[in-house]
Structures are given as structure tokens and as C-alpha cells.
Protein backbone atom coordinates (compact mmCIF):
# COMPACT_ATOMS: atom_id res chain seq x y z
CA MET A 1 41.33 11.00 96.19
CA ASP A 2 38.63 8.67 97.36
CA HIS A 3 39.09 7.74 101.03
CA VAL A 4 37.64 4.25 100.45
CA LEU A 5 40.34 3.55 97.87
CA VAL A 6 43.06 4.96 100.15
CA GLU A 7 41.84 2.82 103.07
CA HIS A 8 41.74 -0.29 100.88
CA VAL A 9 45.23 0.25 99.48
CA SER A 10 46.64 0.96 102.95
CA ARG A 11 45.46 -2.52 104.06
CA LEU A 12 47.09 -4.34 101.15
CA PRO A 13 50.11 -6.50 101.97
CA LEU A 14 53.43 -4.82 101.27
CA ARG A 15 54.27 -7.37 98.56
CA GLN A 16 51.35 -6.04 96.51
CA LYS A 17 52.63 -2.47 96.79
CA LEU A 18 56.35 -3.07 96.49
CA ARG A 19 57.97 -5.95 94.61
CA THR A 20 61.46 -6.50 93.16
CA GLY A 21 62.25 -2.80 93.46
CA TRP A 22 59.02 -1.62 91.82
CA THR A 23 56.80 0.75 93.78
CA LYS A 24 53.04 0.86 93.20
CA PHE A 25 53.32 -2.72 91.95
CA ILE A 26 49.61 -3.60 92.00
CA MET A 27 48.69 -0.38 90.21
CA ARG A 28 51.32 -0.94 87.56
CA GLU A 29 50.00 -4.46 86.98
CA ALA A 30 46.40 -3.25 86.83
CA LEU A 31 47.34 -0.72 84.17
CA ARG A 32 49.14 -3.22 81.92
CA GLY A 33 47.71 -2.72 78.44
CA VAL A 34 46.08 0.56 79.46
CA LEU A 35 49.14 2.78 79.84
CA PRO A 36 52.01 2.79 77.37
CA GLU A 37 54.78 0.54 78.71
CA SER A 38 57.22 3.47 78.80
CA VAL A 39 54.91 5.22 81.28
CA ARG A 40 53.86 2.11 83.23
CA ARG A 41 57.45 1.04 83.81
CA ARG A 42 58.85 4.48 84.50
CA ARG A 43 60.85 4.60 87.72
CA ASP A 44 61.47 8.31 88.10
CA LYS A 45 58.80 10.69 89.32
CA VAL A 46 57.67 13.42 87.01
CA GLY A 47 56.02 16.28 88.85
CA PHE A 48 54.56 19.53 87.73
CA VAL A 49 54.16 22.93 89.27
CA THR A 50 50.65 24.25 89.76
CA PRO A 51 50.04 27.98 89.48
CA ASP A 52 48.61 28.26 93.00
CA GLU A 53 50.16 31.65 93.73
CA PHE A 54 48.65 33.01 90.51
CA TRP A 55 45.28 31.53 91.55
CA PHE A 56 45.52 32.91 95.09
CA ARG A 57 46.27 36.41 93.83
CA GLY A 58 43.64 36.11 91.09
CA GLU A 59 40.50 34.05 90.76
CA LEU A 60 40.69 32.39 94.21
CA ALA A 61 41.47 35.54 96.22
CA GLY A 62 37.81 36.25 96.95
CA GLU A 63 37.11 32.66 97.95
CA VAL A 64 40.14 32.61 100.27
CA GLU A 65 39.00 35.85 101.92
CA GLU A 66 35.44 34.50 102.29
CA THR A 67 36.76 31.22 103.73
CA PHE A 68 38.80 33.05 106.35
CA ALA A 69 35.90 35.40 107.14
CA SER A 70 33.44 32.52 107.65
CA ALA A 71 35.86 29.97 109.14
CA ARG A 72 34.23 27.54 111.54
CA PHE A 73 37.12 25.20 112.25
CA LEU A 74 40.18 27.46 112.06
CA THR A 75 39.09 29.32 115.16
CA ASP A 76 40.79 26.63 117.26
CA TRP A 77 44.12 26.91 115.43
CA ALA A 78 44.48 30.42 114.08
CA ASN A 79 44.11 34.04 115.05
CA LEU A 80 41.59 34.76 112.31
CA PRO A 81 41.77 38.58 112.32
CA ARG A 82 45.55 38.34 112.02
CA LEU A 83 45.31 35.68 109.29
CA ARG A 84 42.85 37.79 107.32
CA SER A 85 44.95 40.93 107.59
CA ALA A 86 48.08 38.99 106.59
CA PHE A 87 46.24 37.71 103.51
CA VAL A 88 45.23 41.25 102.53
CA ALA A 89 48.87 42.32 102.95
CA TYR A 90 49.95 39.37 100.81
CA LEU A 91 47.58 40.46 98.04
CA ARG A 92 48.86 44.04 98.15
CA ARG A 93 52.58 43.33 98.37
CA PRO A 94 53.82 40.44 96.23
CA GLY A 95 56.81 38.60 97.61
CA VAL A 96 56.25 39.58 101.24
CA LEU A 97 54.70 36.29 102.30
CA SER A 98 54.38 32.86 100.72
CA HIS A 99 51.00 31.71 99.44
CA SER A 100 51.71 28.27 100.94
CA VAL A 101 50.89 29.52 104.46
CA PHE A 102 47.44 30.66 103.35
CA PHE A 103 46.94 27.58 101.21
CA ARG A 104 47.36 25.34 104.26
CA TYR A 105 44.77 27.21 106.31
CA PHE A 106 42.40 27.39 103.34
CA ILE A 107 42.64 23.63 102.71
CA VAL A 108 42.28 22.69 106.39
CA GLU A 109 39.09 24.73 106.68
CA HIS A 110 37.60 23.21 103.53
CA TRP A 111 38.67 19.70 104.52
CA ALA A 112 37.08 20.12 107.96
CA ARG A 113 33.85 21.42 106.45
CA GLN A 114 33.69 18.43 104.14
CA PHE A 115 34.60 15.67 106.57
CA LEU A 116 33.73 17.00 110.02
CA GLY A 117 30.50 18.74 109.04
CA THR A 118 29.04 21.76 110.68
CA VAL A 119 29.69 22.77 114.26
């Protein structure tokens, strides 16, 4: 998500975000005629499950290992040798640990590289 958009929306008055029981009011109004009315006026959330565990054990495994091996920002928050060895154990023994732990560290490192730059 674009941080400029997020900052702009966070400064909007509440009445533009929430009105007569409708959340995301300004967005819903902006999408009138763009989205089908059944979608635009939907009140319940419809989520979906991403296959992150499949990705972490498959095509992203190498990138996760490389990220942990070259971490610049996680050094302040994590015991990197322990994190790396736990990830290797996770890859070898399905069901022992949750991918969500590794996902959080992986995302924090990449976020910090993007927005905090190099150290």
C-alpha cells in the first residue's frame, strides 16, 4: 500500500470514513459505477487464505535463508544464528514450528531495508 495514500486517508475526518453504519464510506462512494453494487454495498468481509507456508517451504525458502543470513536490521531484535537454525529445522520437520514466526522476521527485515535504508 502506498504510504502517501495511507497518510492522506488517516487525516480524513471520521465522517468521510464512517457514515450511517457504513465503513470505508469515501471509498465506497468513489467506486460507485466502477464496482458492481452488490460488491460496493457488501457489509461482510470476505477474506482469503494465502499459501504462505507452501511458499516458505518451497520457492521462498532460499530467499528467507538469504535474508536471515544477510540481515542488517534484525541483529537488534533477534538471535540470528538461532533464528537461522530454527528455520532450517522448520524446513526439515513440517508441523514443528509455525511459518508465521519466520514470516514476521522476514517482513520486518525487508521493510527496514526499504524504508530505513542501509546501515
